[in-house]
Amino acid sequence: MNQQLQDIAGHIGHLSAEGGLISNSMIELKQKHQYNDGNITEIATAIEQVSATFQEISAHVEHVSQKSEHLYALQNK
């Protein structure tokens, strides 16, 4: 009976050590997730800024195009 209790205690110790490894792995995964989440937020912000810049460029191109058409019309009068 004593041997069985020692075996059980050994198995419990092994399971406890494995649980500690799993816990450490989960902490590491959580940290990586938080880091990646921060990077994704920065990328999304950068994409929004680029999109806004392209919209401004498009508006300027449209304005220049209208001015060009107006000048062309004046030239052909």
C-alpha atoms as a PDB file:
ATOM      1  CA  MET A   1       0.000   0.000   0.000  1.00  0.00           C
ATOM      2  CA  ASN A   2       2.869   2.349   0.861  1.00  0.00           C
ATOM      3  CA  GLN A   3       4.425   1.725  -2.563  1.00  0.00           C
ATOM      4  CA  GLN A   4       1.133   2.591  -4.278  1.00  0.00           C
ATOM      5  CA  LEU A   5       0.927   5.866  -2.351  1.00  0.00           C
ATOM      6  CA  GLN A   6       4.493   6.694  -3.370  1.00  0.00           C
ATOM      7  CA  ASP A   7       3.669   5.918  -6.995  1.00  0.00           C
ATOM      8  CA  ILE A   8       0.589   8.127  -6.817  1.00  0.00           C
ATOM      9  CA  ALA A   9       2.617  10.915  -5.195  1.00  0.00           C
ATOM     10  CA  GLY A  10       5.211  10.568  -7.971  1.00  0.00           C
ATOM     11  CA  HIS A  11       2.526  10.804 -10.643  1.00  0.00           C
ATOM     12  CA  ILE A  12       0.993  13.843  -8.951  1.00  0.00           C
ATOM     13  CA  GLY A  13       4.423  15.506  -8.828  1.00  0.00           C
ATOM     14  CA  HIS A  14       4.939  14.779 -12.528  1.00  0.00           C
ATOM     15  CA  LEU A  15       1.490  16.156 -13.386  1.00  0.00           C
ATOM     16  CA  SER A  16       2.179  19.251 -11.301  1.00  0.00           C
ATOM     17  CA  ALA A  17       5.441  19.872 -13.183  1.00  0.00           C
ATOM     18  CA  GLU A  18       3.663  19.417 -16.517  1.00  0.00           C
ATOM     19  CA  GLY A  19       0.957  21.839 -15.359  1.00  0.00           C
ATOM     20  CA  GLY A  20       3.649  24.401 -14.557  1.00  0.00           C
ATOM     21  CA  LEU A  21       5.089  24.052 -18.068  1.00  0.00           C
ATOM     22  CA  ILE A  22       1.634  24.512 -19.571  1.00  0.00           C
ATOM     23  CA  SER A  23       1.041  27.556 -17.382  1.00  0.00           C
ATOM     24  CA  ASN A  24       4.330  29.118 -18.497  1.00  0.00           C
ATOM     25  CA  SER A  25       3.472  28.405 -22.132  1.00  0.00           C
ATOM     26  CA  MET A  26       0.087  30.080 -21.728  1.00  0.00           C
ATOM     27  CA  ILE A  27       1.721  33.165 -20.173  1.00  0.00           C
ATOM     28  CA  GLU A  28       4.156  33.338 -23.098  1.00  0.00           C
ATOM     29  CA  LEU A  29       1.330  32.991 -25.631  1.00  0.00           C
ATOM     30  CA  LYS A  30      -0.633  35.737 -23.883  1.00  0.00           C
ATOM     31  CA  GLN A  31       2.371  38.077 -24.060  1.00  0.00           C
ATOM     32  CA  LYS A  32       2.882  37.318 -27.762  1.00  0.00           C
ATOM     33  CA  HIS A  33      -0.819  37.931 -28.405  1.00  0.00           C
ATOM     34  CA  GLN A  34      -0.662  41.308 -26.657  1.00  0.00           C
ATOM     35  CA  TYR A  35       2.448  42.254 -28.662  1.00  0.00           C
ATOM     36  CA  ASN A  36       0.807  41.191 -31.938  1.00  0.00           C
ATOM     37  CA  ASP A  37      -2.396  43.024 -31.028  1.00  0.00           C
ATOM     38  CA  GLY A  38      -0.398  46.215 -30.489  1.00  0.00           C
ATOM     39  CA  ASN A  39       1.320  45.777 -33.851  1.00  0.00           C
ATOM     40  CA  ILE A  40      -1.973  45.175 -35.619  1.00  0.00           C
ATOM     41  CA  THR A  41      -3.390  48.350 -34.084  1.00  0.00           C
ATOM     42  CA  GLU A  42      -0.379  50.335 -35.316  1.00  0.00           C
ATOM     43  CA  ILE A  43      -0.721  48.841 -38.808  1.00  0.00           C
ATOM     44  CA  ALA A  44      -4.446  49.668 -38.917  1.00  0.00           C
ATOM     45  CA  THR A  45      -3.703  53.257 -37.916  1.00  0.00           C
ATOM     46  CA  ALA A  46      -1.028  53.527 -40.604  1.00  0.00           C
ATOM     47  CA  ILE A  47      -3.418  52.138 -43.228  1.00  0.00           C
ATOM     48  CA  GLU A  48      -6.055  54.703 -42.236  1.00  0.00           C
ATOM     49  CA  GLN A  49      -3.483  57.493 -42.571  1.00  0.00           C
ATOM     50  CA  VAL A  50      -2.387  56.228 -45.998  1.00  0.00           C
ATOM     51  CA  SER A  51      -6.015  55.983 -47.084  1.00  0.00           C
ATOM     52  CA  ALA A  52      -6.674  59.565 -45.970  1.00  0.00           C
ATOM     53  CA  THR A  53      -3.565  60.724 -47.836  1.00  0.00           C
ATOM     54  CA  PHE A  54      -4.725  58.970 -51.018  1.00  0.00           C
ATOM     55  CA  GLN A  55      -8.121  60.643 -50.692  1.00  0.00           C
ATOM     56  CA  GLU A  56      -6.412  64.031 -50.408  1.00  0.00           C
ATOM     57  CA  ILE A  57      -4.238  63.264 -53.437  1.00  0.00           C
ATOM     58  CA  SER A  58      -7.313  62.182 -55.387  1.00  0.00           C
ATOM     59  CA  ALA A  59      -9.068  65.430 -54.518  1.00  0.00           C
ATOM     60  CA  HIS A  60      -6.041  67.458 -55.651  1.00  0.00           C
ATOM     61  CA  VAL A  61      -5.783  65.491 -58.894  1.00  0.00           C
ATOM     62  CA  GLU A  62      -9.472  66.091 -59.538  1.00  0.00           C
ATOM     63  CA  HIS A  63      -8.998  69.807 -58.865  1.00  0.00           C
ATOM     64  CA  VAL A  64      -6.004  69.989 -61.240  1.00  0.00           C
ATOM     65  CA  SER A  65      -7.954  68.054 -63.863  1.00  0.00           C
ATOM     66  CA  GLN A  66     -10.832  70.522 -63.657  1.00  0.00           C
ATOM     67  CA  LYS A  67      -8.432  73.462 -63.948  1.00  0.00           C
ATOM     68  CA  SER A  68      -6.760  71.799 -66.926  1.00  0.00           C
ATOM     69  CA  GLU A  69     -10.101  71.285 -68.668  1.00  0.00           C
ATOM     70  CA  HIS A  70     -11.030  74.890 -67.960  1.00  0.00           C
ATOM     71  CA  LEU A  71      -7.735  76.148 -69.420  1.00  0.00           C
ATOM     72  CA  TYR A  72      -8.138  73.898 -72.455  1.00  0.00           C
ATOM     73  CA  ALA A  73     -11.626  75.270 -73.008  1.00  0.00           C
ATOM     74  CA  LEU A  74     -10.331  78.843 -72.765  1.00  0.00           C
ATOM     75  CA  GLN A  75      -7.558  78.098 -75.236  1.00  0.00           C
ATOM     76  CA  ASN A  76      -9.971  76.739 -77.816  1.00  0.00           C
ATOM     77  CA  LYS A  77     -12.284  79.759 -77.770  1.00  0.00           C
END
